Amino acid sequence: MADQNDVVVYVSRPSWRCWLTRRYLRRRGYRFEAIDATNNSRLRSWLEHFTGRETVPYVFIDRRPVGGLREIRALERSGALEHLVRGGV
């Protein structure tokens, strides 16, 4: 597998969108770290403050906030996701 930037996905249980996001990334061959924010109010507060969103999943690529499942799918359709993950952007 080619080198890639760090991919971190903040998730909660149970969440269908979190599961879909992890599956989406996995099927495209990207390695990622999933961080469970289910019972961590401080982490969720930080995510809300940093991203402006109250919901997860939320994906960071190379420490940059990218978005949730909708944004990941849009980046994939445009071809930009591969560049972000593999370091082309």
Protein backbone atom coordinates (compact mmCIF):
# COMPACT_ATOMS: atom_id res chain seq x y z
CA MET A 1 0.00 0.00 0.00
CA ALA A 2 1.26 3.47 -0.85
CA ASP A 3 2.17 5.94 1.85
CA GLN A 4 -0.62 8.14 3.06
CA ASN A 5 -1.29 11.03 5.39
CA ASP A 6 -2.79 10.40 8.80
CA VAL A 7 -6.55 9.89 8.69
CA VAL A 8 -8.52 10.14 11.92
CA VAL A 9 -12.26 9.50 12.16
CA TYR A 10 -14.14 10.57 15.28
CA VAL A 11 -17.14 8.30 15.77
CA SER A 12 -19.83 7.38 18.26
CA ARG A 13 -21.77 4.20 18.98
CA PRO A 14 -24.29 3.25 17.80
CA SER A 15 -24.22 5.31 14.64
CA TRP A 16 -25.09 4.16 11.16
CA ARG A 17 -23.29 7.15 9.57
CA CYS A 18 -20.12 6.42 11.55
CA TRP A 19 -20.21 2.80 10.45
CA LEU A 20 -20.75 3.84 6.81
CA THR A 21 -17.88 6.32 6.94
CA ARG A 22 -15.44 3.75 8.28
CA ARG A 23 -16.61 1.21 5.71
CA TYR A 24 -16.33 3.78 2.91
CA LEU A 25 -12.72 4.59 3.81
CA ARG A 26 -11.80 0.94 4.40
CA ARG A 27 -13.17 -0.15 1.01
CA ARG A 28 -11.05 2.45 -0.71
CA GLY A 29 -7.96 1.06 0.96
CA TYR A 30 -7.25 3.95 3.33
CA ARG A 31 -5.81 3.26 6.76
CA PHE A 32 -7.36 5.33 9.52
CA GLU A 33 -7.62 5.63 13.27
CA ALA A 34 -11.15 5.62 14.67
CA ILE A 35 -11.56 7.51 17.93
CA ASP A 36 -14.72 6.77 19.88
CA ALA A 37 -16.26 9.95 21.28
CA THR A 38 -19.44 8.28 22.53
CA ASN A 39 -19.03 8.94 26.26
CA ASN A 40 -16.37 11.63 26.14
CA SER A 41 -18.06 14.99 26.66
CA ARG A 42 -14.76 16.91 26.64
CA LEU A 43 -13.78 15.42 23.28
CA ARG A 44 -17.22 16.11 21.80
CA SER A 45 -17.07 19.68 23.11
CA TRP A 46 -13.65 20.15 21.50
CA LEU A 47 -14.92 18.72 18.20
CA GLU A 48 -17.93 21.02 18.26
CA HIS A 49 -15.75 24.04 18.99
CA PHE A 50 -13.09 23.12 16.41
CA THR A 51 -15.36 21.96 13.58
CA GLY A 52 -18.52 23.94 14.26
CA ARG A 53 -20.55 20.70 14.21
CA GLU A 54 -22.30 18.82 16.96
CA THR A 55 -22.38 15.54 15.07
CA VAL A 56 -20.00 12.75 14.21
CA PRO A 57 -18.53 11.15 12.19
CA TYR A 58 -15.93 13.76 11.53
CA VAL A 59 -12.82 13.05 9.47
CA PHE A 60 -9.45 14.75 9.74
CA ILE A 61 -6.80 14.18 7.08
CA ASP A 62 -3.26 15.27 7.90
CA ARG A 63 -4.71 17.14 10.92
CA ARG A 64 -7.01 19.15 8.67
CA PRO A 65 -10.77 19.00 9.29
CA VAL A 66 -12.44 17.53 6.22
CA GLY A 67 -16.01 16.77 7.23
CA GLY A 68 -18.38 13.89 7.60
CA LEU A 69 -19.67 11.21 5.27
CA ARG A 70 -21.25 13.67 2.83
CA GLU A 71 -18.02 15.60 2.40
CA ILE A 72 -15.93 12.43 2.07
CA ARG A 73 -18.23 11.16 -0.69
CA ALA A 74 -18.08 14.52 -2.50
CA LEU A 75 -14.28 14.54 -2.30
CA GLU A 76 -14.19 11.00 -3.67
CA ARG A 77 -16.44 11.94 -6.60
CA SER A 78 -14.24 14.93 -7.44
CA GLY A 79 -11.02 12.92 -7.16
CA ALA A 80 -9.69 15.14 -4.37
CA LEU A 81 -9.90 12.52 -1.61
CA GLU A 82 -7.11 10.44 -3.10
CA HIS A 83 -4.88 13.52 -3.30
CA LEU A 84 -5.66 14.53 0.28
CA VAL A 85 -5.02 11.06 1.69
CA ARG A 86 -2.00 10.20 -0.44
CA GLY A 87 -0.39 13.61 0.04
CA GLY A 88 -0.96 15.15 -3.36
CA VAL A 89 -2.62 18.28 -1.98
